[in-house]
Amino acid sequence: ELQAMFLLFEQITDPIANACDCTDFYIQGKTFCLTGEFKYGQRSL
């Protein structure tokens, strides 16, 4: 129960710490939304 609480609190404080593993990331025909600033370049790029 304590471990489940720690996991939940980690997800709350850093919700993308365990973001998806993108080995199955398909772009064609998928909708995407961007947030934040990107190292790659401007959001529009």
All heavy atoms as atom14 arrays in JSON, in Angstrom:
{
  "sequence": "ELQAMFLLFEQITDPIANACDCTDFYIQGKTFCLTGEFKYGQRSL",
  "atom14_mask": [
    [1, 1, 1, 1, 1, 1, 1, 1, 1, 0, 0, 0, 0, 0],
    [1, 1, 1, 1, 1, 1, 1, 1, 0, 0, 0, 0, 0, 0],
    [1, 1, 1, 1, 1, 1, 1, 1, 1, 0, 0, 0, 0, 0],
    [1, 1, 1, 1, 1, 0, 0, 0, 0, 0, 0, 0, 0, 0],
    [1, 1, 1, 1, 1, 1, 1, 1, 0, 0, 0, 0, 0, 0],
    [1, 1, 1, 1, 1, 1, 1, 1, 1, 1, 1, 0, 0, 0],
    [1, 1, 1, 1, 1, 1, 1, 1, 0, 0, 0, 0, 0, 0],
    [1, 1, 1, 1, 1, 1, 1, 1, 0, 0, 0, 0, 0, 0],
    [1, 1, 1, 1, 1, 1, 1, 1, 1, 1, 1, 0, 0, 0],
    [1, 1, 1, 1, 1, 1, 1, 1, 1, 0, 0, 0, 0, 0],
    [1, 1, 1, 1, 1, 1, 1, 1, 1, 0, 0, 0, 0, 0],
    [1, 1, 1, 1, 1, 1, 1, 1, 0, 0, 0, 0, 0, 0],
    [1, 1, 1, 1, 1, 1, 1, 0, 0, 0, 0, 0, 0, 0],
    [1, 1, 1, 1, 1, 1, 1, 1, 0, 0, 0, 0, 0, 0],
    [1, 1, 1, 1, 1, 1, 1, 0, 0, 0, 0, 0, 0, 0],
    [1, 1, 1, 1, 1, 1, 1, 1, 0, 0, 0, 0, 0, 0],
    [1, 1, 1, 1, 1, 0, 0, 0, 0, 0, 0, 0, 0, 0],
    [1, 1, 1, 1, 1, 1, 1, 1, 0, 0, 0, 0, 0, 0],
    [1, 1, 1, 1, 1, 0, 0, 0, 0, 0, 0, 0, 0, 0],
    [1, 1, 1, 1, 1, 1, 0, 0, 0, 0, 0, 0, 0, 0],
    [1, 1, 1, 1, 1, 1, 1, 1, 0, 0, 0, 0, 0, 0],
    [1, 1, 1, 1, 1, 1, 0, 0, 0, 0, 0, 0, 0, 0],
    [1, 1, 1, 1, 1, 1, 1, 0, 0, 0, 0, 0, 0, 0],
    [1, 1, 1, 1, 1, 1, 1, 1, 0, 0, 0, 0, 0, 0],
    [1, 1, 1, 1, 1, 1, 1, 1, 1, 1, 1, 0, 0, 0],
    [1, 1, 1, 1, 1, 1, 1, 1, 1, 1, 1, 1, 0, 0],
    [1, 1, 1, 1, 1, 1, 1, 1, 0, 0, 0, 0, 0, 0],
    [1, 1, 1, 1, 1, 1, 1, 1, 1, 0, 0, 0, 0, 0],
    [1, 1, 1, 1, 0, 0, 0, 0, 0, 0, 0, 0, 0, 0],
    [1, 1, 1, 1, 1, 1, 1, 1, 1, 0, 0, 0, 0, 0],
    [1, 1, 1, 1, 1, 1, 1, 0, 0, 0, 0, 0, 0, 0],
    [1, 1, 1, 1, 1, 1, 1, 1, 1, 1, 1, 0, 0, 0],
    [1, 1, 1, 1, 1, 1, 0, 0, 0, 0, 0, 0, 0, 0],
    [1, 1, 1, 1, 1, 1, 1, 1, 0, 0, 0, 0, 0, 0],
    [1, 1, 1, 1, 1, 1, 1, 0, 0, 0, 0, 0, 0, 0],
    [1, 1, 1, 1, 0, 0, 0, 0, 0, 0, 0, 0, 0, 0],
    [1, 1, 1, 1, 1, 1, 1, 1, 1, 0, 0, 0, 0, 0],
    [1, 1, 1, 1, 1, 1, 1, 1, 1, 1, 1, 0, 0, 0],
    [1, 1, 1, 1, 1, 1, 1, 1, 1, 0, 0, 0, 0, 0],
    [1, 1, 1, 1, 1, 1, 1, 1, 1, 1, 1, 1, 0, 0],
    [1, 1, 1, 1, 0, 0, 0, 0, 0, 0, 0, 0, 0, 0],
    [1, 1, 1, 1, 1, 1, 1, 1, 1, 0, 0, 0, 0, 0],
    [1, 1, 1, 1, 1, 1, 1, 1, 1, 1, 1, 0, 0, 0],
    [1, 1, 1, 1, 1, 1, 0, 0, 0, 0, 0, 0, 0, 0],
    [1, 1, 1, 1, 1, 1, 1, 1, 0, 0, 0, 0, 0, 0]
  ],
  "atom14_positions": [
    [[0.84, -1.21, 0.0], [0.0, 0.0, 0.0], [0.87, 1.25, 0.0], [0.57, 2.22, -0.71], [-0.93, -0.01, 1.22], [-1.94, -1.14, 1.19], [-2.65, -1.33, 2.52], [-2.04, -1.09, 3.59], [-3.83, -1.75, 2.48], [0.0, 0.0, 0.0], [0.0, 0.0, 0.0], [0.0, 0.0, 0.0], [0.0, 0.0, 0.0], [0.0, 0.0, 0.0]],
    [[1.94, 1.22, 0.76], [2.87, 2.35, 0.81], [3.52, 2.56, -0.56], [3.62, 3.69, -1.04], [3.94, 2.1, 1.88], [4.96, 3.2, 2.09], [4.29, 4.49, 2.55], [6.02, 2.75, 3.1], [0.0, 0.0, 0.0], [0.0, 0.0, 0.0], [0.0, 0.0, 0.0], [0.0, 0.0, 0.0], [0.0, 0.0, 0.0], [0.0, 0.0, 0.0]],
    [[3.91, 1.49, -1.2], [4.52, 1.59, -2.53], [3.53, 2.15, -3.55], [3.89, 2.96, -4.41], [5.05, 0.23, -3.0], [6.23, -0.28, -2.19], [7.39, 0.69, -2.18], [7.76, 1.26, -3.19], [7.96, 0.89, -1.0], [0.0, 0.0, 0.0], [0.0, 0.0, 0.0], [0.0, 0.0, 0.0], [0.0, 0.0, 0.0], [0.0, 0.0, 0.0]],
    [[2.27, 1.75, -3.45], [1.24, 2.28, -4.35], [1.06, 3.77, -4.13], [0.88, 4.54, -5.1], [-0.08, 1.53, -4.13], [0.0, 0.0, 0.0], [0.0, 0.0, 0.0], [0.0, 0.0, 0.0], [0.0, 0.0, 0.0], [0.0, 0.0, 0.0], [0.0, 0.0, 0.0], [0.0, 0.0, 0.0], [0.0, 0.0, 0.0], [0.0, 0.0, 0.0]],
    [[1.13, 4.22, -2.87], [1.04, 5.65, -2.58], [2.23, 6.4, -3.16], [2.07, 7.46, -3.78], [0.96, 5.9, -1.08], [-0.39, 5.68, -0.49], [-0.41, 6.27, 1.21], [-1.06, 4.84, 2.02], [0.0, 0.0, 0.0], [0.0, 0.0, 0.0], [0.0, 0.0, 0.0], [0.0, 0.0, 0.0], [0.0, 0.0, 0.0], [0.0, 0.0, 0.0]],
    [[3.43, 5.86, -2.97], [4.63, 6.51, -3.52], [4.53, 6.64, -5.03], [4.87, 7.68, -5.6], [5.9, 5.74, -3.15], [6.38, 5.97, -1.75], [6.93, 4.93, -1.01], [6.29, 7.22, -1.14], [7.37, 5.13, 0.28], [6.74, 7.43, 0.15], [7.28, 6.38, 0.87], [0.0, 0.0, 0.0], [0.0, 0.0, 0.0], [0.0, 0.0, 0.0]],
    [[4.06, 5.59, -5.69], [3.91, 5.62, -7.15], [2.91, 6.7, -7.56], [3.16, 7.47, -8.49], [3.48, 4.26, -7.67], [3.26, 4.15, -9.18], [4.52, 4.48, -9.95], [2.75, 2.76, -9.54], [0.0, 0.0, 0.0], [0.0, 0.0, 0.0], [0.0, 0.0, 0.0], [0.0, 0.0, 0.0], [0.0, 0.0, 0.0], [0.0, 0.0, 0.0]],
    [[1.79, 6.77, -6.87], [0.79, 7.78, -7.17], [1.35, 9.19, -6.97], [1.17, 10.07, -7.82], [-0.46, 7.6, -6.3], [-1.52, 8.69, -6.44], [-2.08, 8.73, -7.86], [-2.62, 8.49, -5.42], [0.0, 0.0, 0.0], [0.0, 0.0, 0.0], [0.0, 0.0, 0.0], [0.0, 0.0, 0.0], [0.0, 0.0, 0.0], [0.0, 0.0, 0.0]],
    [[2.05, 9.42, -5.86], [2.6, 10.74, -5.59], [3.65, 11.12, -6.64], [3.75, 12.28, -7.04], [3.17, 10.82, -4.18], [2.13, 10.61, -3.11], [2.46, 10.02, -1.9], [0.8, 10.97, -3.29], [1.51, 9.82, -0.91], [-0.16, 10.78, -2.32], [0.2, 10.19, -1.12], [0.0, 0.0, 0.0], [0.0, 0.0, 0.0], [0.0, 0.0, 0.0]],
    [[4.42, 10.14, -7.1], [5.4, 10.4, -8.16], [4.68, 10.78, -9.45], [5.08, 11.71, -10.15], [6.28, 9.17, -8.4], [7.29, 9.39, -9.51], [8.11, 8.15, -9.8], [7.52, 7.08, -10.08], [9.34, 8.26, -9.76], [0.0, 0.0, 0.0], [0.0, 0.0, 0.0], [0.0, 0.0, 0.0], [0.0, 0.0, 0.0], [0.0, 0.0, 0.0]],
    [[3.59, 10.08, -9.77], [2.83, 10.4, -10.97], [2.22, 11.8, -10.89], [2.13, 12.49, -11.89], [1.72, 9.37, -11.19], [2.23, 8.02, -11.6], [1.14, 6.95, -11.55], [0.08, 7.13, -10.93], [1.39, 5.83, -12.2], [0.0, 0.0, 0.0], [0.0, 0.0, 0.0], [0.0, 0.0, 0.0], [0.0, 0.0, 0.0], [0.0, 0.0, 0.0]],
    [[1.82, 12.21, -9.7], [1.23, 13.53, -9.53], [2.29, 14.62, -9.66], [2.07, 15.63, -10.32], [0.5, 13.63, -8.17], [-0.73, 12.73, -8.18], [0.12, 15.07, -7.85], [-1.36, 12.52, -6.82], [0.0, 0.0, 0.0], [0.0, 0.0, 0.0], [0.0, 0.0, 0.0], [0.0, 0.0, 0.0], [0.0, 0.0, 0.0], [0.0, 0.0, 0.0]],
    [[3.43, 14.42, -9.02], [4.47, 15.45, -9.03], [5.25, 15.49, -10.34], [5.79, 16.53, -10.7], [5.45, 15.28, -7.86], [6.04, 13.99, -7.93], [4.74, 15.47, -6.54], [0.0, 0.0, 0.0], [0.0, 0.0, 0.0], [0.0, 0.0, 0.0], [0.0, 0.0, 0.0], [0.0, 0.0, 0.0], [0.0, 0.0, 0.0], [0.0, 0.0, 0.0]],
    [[5.32, 14.37, -11.05], [6.02, 14.33, -12.34], [5.26, 13.4, -13.28], [5.63, 12.26, -13.5], [7.45, 13.85, -12.17], [8.29, 14.04, -13.42], [7.76, 14.53, -14.44], [9.48, 13.69, -13.39], [0.0, 0.0, 0.0], [0.0, 0.0, 0.0], [0.0, 0.0, 0.0], [0.0, 0.0, 0.0], [0.0, 0.0, 0.0], [0.0, 0.0, 0.0]],
    [[4.15, 13.9, -13.85], [3.26, 13.04, -14.62], [3.85, 12.46, -15.9], [3.32, 11.5, -16.43], [2.07, 13.95, -14.94], [2.54, 15.32, -14.73], [3.66, 15.26, -13.75], [0.0, 0.0, 0.0], [0.0, 0.0, 0.0], [0.0, 0.0, 0.0], [0.0, 0.0, 0.0], [0.0, 0.0, 0.0], [0.0, 0.0, 0.0], [0.0, 0.0, 0.0]],
    [[4.95, 13.0, -16.37], [5.53, 12.4, -17.57], [6.78, 11.6, -17.28], [7.45, 11.13, -18.19], [5.79, 13.44, -18.68], [6.88, 14.41, -18.28], [4.52, 14.13, -19.1], [7.45, 15.15, -19.44], [0.0, 0.0, 0.0], [0.0, 0.0, 0.0], [0.0, 0.0, 0.0], [0.0, 0.0, 0.0], [0.0, 0.0, 0.0], [0.0, 0.0, 0.0]],
    [[7.1, 11.4, -16.01], [8.28, 10.61, -15.65], [8.21, 9.23, -16.27], [9.21, 8.68, -16.72], [8.4, 10.49, -14.13], [0.0, 0.0, 0.0], [0.0, 0.0, 0.0], [0.0, 0.0, 0.0], [0.0, 0.0, 0.0], [0.0, 0.0, 0.0], [0.0, 0.0, 0.0], [0.0, 0.0, 0.0], [0.0, 0.0, 0.0], [0.0, 0.0, 0.0]],
    [[7.03, 8.67, -16.33], [6.85, 7.34, -16.91], [5.97, 7.41, -18.15], [5.08, 6.59, -18.35], [6.23, 6.4, -15.87], [7.11, 6.24, -14.66], [8.3, 5.99, -14.79], [6.56, 6.43, -13.48], [0.0, 0.0, 0.0], [0.0, 0.0, 0.0], [0.0, 0.0, 0.0], [0.0, 0.0, 0.0], [0.0, 0.0, 0.0], [0.0, 0.0, 0.0]],
    [[6.25, 8.42, -18.99], [5.47, 8.6, -20.22], [5.67, 7.39, -21.12], [6.53, 6.55, -20.89], [5.91, 9.88, -20.93], [0.0, 0.0, 0.0], [0.0, 0.0, 0.0], [0.0, 0.0, 0.0], [0.0, 0.0, 0.0], [0.0, 0.0, 0.0], [0.0, 0.0, 0.0], [0.0, 0.0, 0.0], [0.0, 0.0, 0.0], [0.0, 0.0, 0.0]],
    [[4.89, 7.35, -22.18], [4.87, 6.15, -23.02], [6.22, 5.84, -23.64], [7.02, 6.73, -23.88], [3.8, 6.28, -24.1], [4.31, 7.18, -25.57], [0.0, 0.0, 0.0], [0.0, 0.0, 0.0], [0.0, 0.0, 0.0], [0.0, 0.0, 0.0], [0.0, 0.0, 0.0], [0.0, 0.0, 0.0], [0.0, 0.0, 0.0], [0.0, 0.0, 0.0]],
    [[6.45, 4.56, -23.86], [7.62, 4.1, -24.6], [7.22, 4.15, -26.06], [6.31, 3.45, -26.49], [7.95, 2.67, -24.18], [9.08, 2.07, -24.99], [9.68, 2.78, -25.82], [9.37, 0.88, -24.79], [0.0, 0.0, 0.0], [0.0, 0.0, 0.0], [0.0, 0.0, 0.0], [0.0, 0.0, 0.0], [0.0, 0.0, 0.0], [0.0, 0.0, 0.0]],
    [[7.88, 4.97, -26.81], [7.43, 5.27, -28.17], [7.97, 4.34, -29.24], [8.14, 4.75, -30.38], [7.74, 6.71, -28.5], [6.74, 7.81, -27.52], [0.0, 0.0, 0.0], [0.0, 0.0, 0.0], [0.0, 0.0, 0.0], [0.0, 0.0, 0.0], [0.0, 0.0, 0.0], [0.0, 0.0, 0.0], [0.0, 0.0, 0.0], [0.0, 0.0, 0.0]],
    [[8.22, 3.11, -28.9], [8.63, 2.17, -29.93], [7.48, 1.93, -30.91], [7.69, 1.54, -32.04], [9.08, 0.82, -29.31], [8.02, 0.34, -28.48], [10.34, 1.01, -28.5], [0.0, 0.0, 0.0], [0.0, 0.0, 0.0], [0.0, 0.0, 0.0], [0.0, 0.0, 0.0], [0.0, 0.0, 0.0], [0.0, 0.0, 0.0], [0.0, 0.0, 0.0]],
    [[6.25, 2.18, -30.46], [5.07, 2.03, -31.31], [4.44, 3.37, -31.64], [3.24, 3.5, -31.71], [4.03, 1.15, -30.61], [4.5, -0.27, -30.43], [5.3, -0.73, -31.26], [4.08, -0.91, -29.46], [0.0, 0.0, 0.0], [0.0, 0.0, 0.0], [0.0, 0.0, 0.0], [0.0, 0.0, 0.0], [0.0, 0.0, 0.0], [0.0, 0.0, 0.0]],
    [[5.26, 4.38, -31.84], [4.77, 5.73, -32.1], [4.46, 5.87, -33.59], [5.35, 5.84, -34.42], [5.84, 6.75, -31.67], [5.39, 8.17, -31.75], [4.53, 8.71, -30.81], [5.84, 8.98, -32.77], [4.13, 10.02, -30.88], [5.45, 10.31, -32.84], [4.59, 10.82, -31.9], [0.0, 0.0, 0.0], [0.0, 0.0, 0.0], [0.0, 0.0, 0.0]],
    [[3.19, 5.99, -33.92], [2.76, 6.14, -35.3], [2.2, 7.54, -35.49], [1.35, 7.98, -34.72], [1.69, 5.11, -35.66], [2.19, 3.69, -35.53], [1.81, 2.91, -34.45], [3.03, 3.15, -36.48], [2.27, 1.62, -34.32], [3.51, 1.86, -36.35], [3.12, 1.09, -35.27], [3.58, -0.19, -35.14], [0.0, 0.0, 0.0], [0.0, 0.0, 0.0]],
    [[2.65, 8.22, -36.51], [2.22, 9.59, -36.75], [1.08, 9.64, -37.76], [0.11, 10.38, -37.58], [3.4, 10.45, -37.25], [4.5, 10.48, -36.17], [2.95, 11.85, -37.59], [5.78, 11.1, -36.64], [0.0, 0.0, 0.0], [0.0, 0.0, 0.0], [0.0, 0.0, 0.0], [0.0, 0.0, 0.0], [0.0, 0.0, 0.0], [0.0, 0.0, 0.0]],
    [[1.2, 8.87, -38.82], [0.24, 8.9, -39.92], [-1.2, 8.77, -39.42], [-1.56, 7.79, -38.78], [0.55, 7.77, -40.91], [-0.36, 7.72, -42.12], [-0.15, 8.89, -43.07], [0.96, 9.35, -43.27], [-1.22, 9.38, -43.66], [0.0, 0.0, 0.0], [0.0, 0.0, 0.0], [0.0, 0.0, 0.0], [0.0, 0.0, 0.0], [0.0, 0.0, 0.0]],
    [[-2.01, 9.81, -39.67], [-3.42, 9.77, -39.32], [-3.73, 9.98, -37.85], [-4.89, 9.92, -37.45], [0.0, 0.0, 0.0], [0.0, 0.0, 0.0], [0.0, 0.0, 0.0], [0.0, 0.0, 0.0], [0.0, 0.0, 0.0], [0.0, 0.0, 0.0], [0.0, 0.0, 0.0], [0.0, 0.0, 0.0], [0.0, 0.0, 0.0], [0.0, 0.0, 0.0]],
    [[-2.73, 10.24, -37.02], [-2.94, 10.43, -35.58], [-2.96, 11.92, -35.24], [-2.25, 12.72, -35.84], [-1.81, 9.75, -34.78], [-1.7, 8.26, -35.02], [-2.9, 7.53, -34.49], [-2.73, 6.03, -34.65], [-3.87, 5.3, -34.14], [0.0, 0.0, 0.0], [0.0, 0.0, 0.0], [0.0, 0.0, 0.0], [0.0, 0.0, 0.0], [0.0, 0.0, 0.0]],
    [[-3.79, 12.26, -34.25], [-3.83, 13.65, -33.8], [-2.81, 13.85, -32.69], [-2.59, 12.96, -31.87], [-5.23, 14.03, -33.27], [-5.56, 13.17, -32.19], [-6.28, 13.94, -34.36], [0.0, 0.0, 0.0], [0.0, 0.0, 0.0], [0.0, 0.0, 0.0], [0.0, 0.0, 0.0], [0.0, 0.0, 0.0], [0.0, 0.0, 0.0], [0.0, 0.0, 0.0]],
    [[-2.2, 15.0, -32.7], [-1.22, 15.31, -31.68], [-1.35, 16.76, -31.24], [-1.73, 17.63, -32.01], [0.21, 15.03, -32.17], [0.62, 15.86, -33.36], [1.23, 17.09, -33.18], [0.38, 15.41, -34.64], [1.59, 17.86, -34.27], [0.74, 16.17, -35.73], [1.34, 17.41, -35.55], [0.0, 0.0, 0.0], [0.0, 0.0, 0.0], [0.0, 0.0, 0.0]],
    [[-1.07, 16.98, -29.97], [-1.09, 18.31, -29.38], [0.28, 18.52, -28.75], [0.87, 17.58, -28.21], [-2.2, 18.4, -28.32], [-2.38, 20.02, -27.57], [0.0, 0.0, 0.0], [0.0, 0.0, 0.0], [0.0, 0.0, 0.0], [0.0, 0.0, 0.0], [0.0, 0.0, 0.0], [0.0, 0.0, 0.0], [0.0, 0.0, 0.0], [0.0, 0.0, 0.0]],
    [[0.8, 19.73, -28.84], [2.11, 20.04, -28.28], [1.96, 20.96, -27.08], [1.09, 21.83, -27.05], [2.99, 20.72, -29.33], [3.18, 19.97, -30.65], [4.02, 20.8, -31.61], [3.81, 18.61, -30.43], [0.0, 0.0, 0.0], [0.0, 0.0, 0.0], [0.0, 0.0, 0.0], [0.0, 0.0, 0.0], [0.0, 0.0, 0.0], [0.0, 0.0, 0.0]],
    [[2.85, 20.79, -26.11], [2.88, 21.68, -24.96], [4.31, 21.91, -24.53], [5.16, 21.03, -24.68], [2.04, 21.13, -23.77], [1.97, 22.11, -22.75], [2.6, 19.84, -23.22], [0.0, 0.0, 0.0], [0.0, 0.0, 0.0], [0.0, 0.0, 0.0], [0.0, 0.0, 0.0], [0.0, 0.0, 0.0], [0.0, 0.0, 0.0], [0.0, 0.0, 0.0]],
    [[4.6, 23.1, -24.04], [5.94, 23.43, -23.59], [6.82, 23.93, -24.72], [6.38, 24.12, -25.85], [0.0, 0.0, 0.0], [0.0, 0.0, 0.0], [0.0, 0.0, 0.0], [0.0, 0.0, 0.0], [0.0, 0.0, 0.0], [0.0, 0.0, 0.0], [0.0, 0.0, 0.0], [0.0, 0.0, 0.0], [0.0, 0.0, 0.0], [0.0, 0.0, 0.0]],
    [[8.08, 24.14, -24.38], [9.08, 24.59, -25.34], [9.95, 23.4, -25.74], [10.26, 22.54, -24.91], [9.94, 25.7, -24.73], [9.14, 26.89, -24.24], [8.38, 27.6, -25.36], [8.9, 27.68, -26.49], [7.24, 28.05, -25.11], [0.0, 0.0, 0.0], [0.0, 0.0, 0.0], [0.0, 0.0, 0.0], [0.0, 0.0, 0.0], [0.0, 0.0, 0.0]],
    [[10.36, 23.37, -27.0], [11.06, 22.22, -27.55], [12.52, 22.51, -27.83], [12.85, 23.54, -28.41], [10.35, 21.76, -28.83], [9.01, 21.14, -28.56], [7.9, 21.93, -28.31], [8.86, 19.76, -28.53], [6.67, 21.37, -28.03], [7.63, 19.19, -28.26], [6.53, 19.99, -28.01], [0.0, 0.0, 0.0], [0.0, 0.0, 0.0], [0.0, 0.0, 0.0]],
    [[13.37, 21.58, -27.43], [14.8, 21.66, -27.73], [15.01, 21.59, -29.24], [15.91, 22.22, -29.78], [15.52, 20.51, -27.03], [16.95, 20.8, -26.64], [17.6, 19.59, -25.99], [17.42, 19.64, -24.5], [18.21, 18.61, -23.8], [0.0, 0.0, 0.0], [0.0, 0.0, 0.0], [0.0, 0.0, 0.0], [0.0, 0.0, 0.0], [0.0, 0.0, 0.0]],
    [[14.18, 20.81, -29.91], [14.29, 20.61, -31.35], [14.12, 21.92, -32.12], [14.69, 22.12, -33.17], [13.25, 19.59, -31.81], [13.33, 19.25, -33.28], [14.28, 18.35, -33.75], [12.45, 19.82, -34.2], [14.36, 18.04, -35.09], [12.53, 19.51, -35.54], [13.48, 18.63, -35.98], [13.57, 18.33, -37.32], [0.0, 0.0, 0.0], [0.0, 0.0, 0.0]],
    [[13.31, 22.82, -31.59], [13.05, 24.1, -32.25], [11.69, 24.65, -31.84], [11.05, 24.15, -30.92], [0.0, 0.0, 0.0], [0.0, 0.0, 0.0], [0.0, 0.0, 0.0], [0.0, 0.0, 0.0], [0.0, 0.0, 0.0], [0.0, 0.0, 0.0], [0.0, 0.0, 0.0], [0.0, 0.0, 0.0], [0.0, 0.0, 0.0], [0.0, 0.0, 0.0]],
    [[11.28, 25.66, -32.53], [9.97, 26.27, -32.27], [8.86, 25.23, -32.36], [8.95, 24.28, -33.14], [9.69, 27.39, -33.27], [10.61, 28.57, -33.16], [10.34, 29.37, -31.9], [9.2, 29.51, -31.47], [11.39, 29.89, -31.29], [0.0, 0.0, 0.0], [0.0, 0.0, 0.0], [0.0, 0.0, 0.0], [0.0, 0.0, 0.0], [0.0, 0.0, 0.0]],
    [[7.83, 25.44, -31.59], [6.69, 24.53, -31.59], [6.12, 24.38, -33.0], [5.75, 23.28, -33.42], [5.61, 25.03, -30.64], [4.53, 24.01, -30.36], [3.45, 24.52, -29.47], [3.94, 24.87, -28.15], [3.17, 25.24, -27.15], [1.87, 25.3, -27.3], [3.69, 25.56, -25.98], [0.0, 0.0, 0.0], [0.0, 0.0, 0.0], [0.0, 0.0, 0.0]],
    [[6.08, 25.47, -33.74], [5.55, 25.43, -35.11], [6.4, 24.51, -36.0], [5.87, 23.84, -36.88], [5.48, 26.83, -35.71], [6.76, 27.44, -35.71], [0.0, 0.0, 0.0], [0.0, 0.0, 0.0], [0.0, 0.0, 0.0], [0.0, 0.0, 0.0], [0.0, 0.0, 0.0], [0.0, 0.0, 0.0], [0.0, 0.0, 0.0], [0.0, 0.0, 0.0]],
    [[7.71, 24.46, -35.78], [8.58, 23.57, -36.56], [8.29, 22.11, -36.23], [8.2, 21.27, -37.12], [10.05, 23.89, -36.28], [11.08, 22.96, -36.93], [10.99, 23.04, -38.46], [12.48, 23.31, -36.47], [0.0, 0.0, 0.0], [0.0, 0.0, 0.0], [0.0, 0.0, 0.0], [0.0, 0.0, 0.0], [0.0, 0.0, 0.0], [0.0, 0.0, 0.0]]
  ]
}
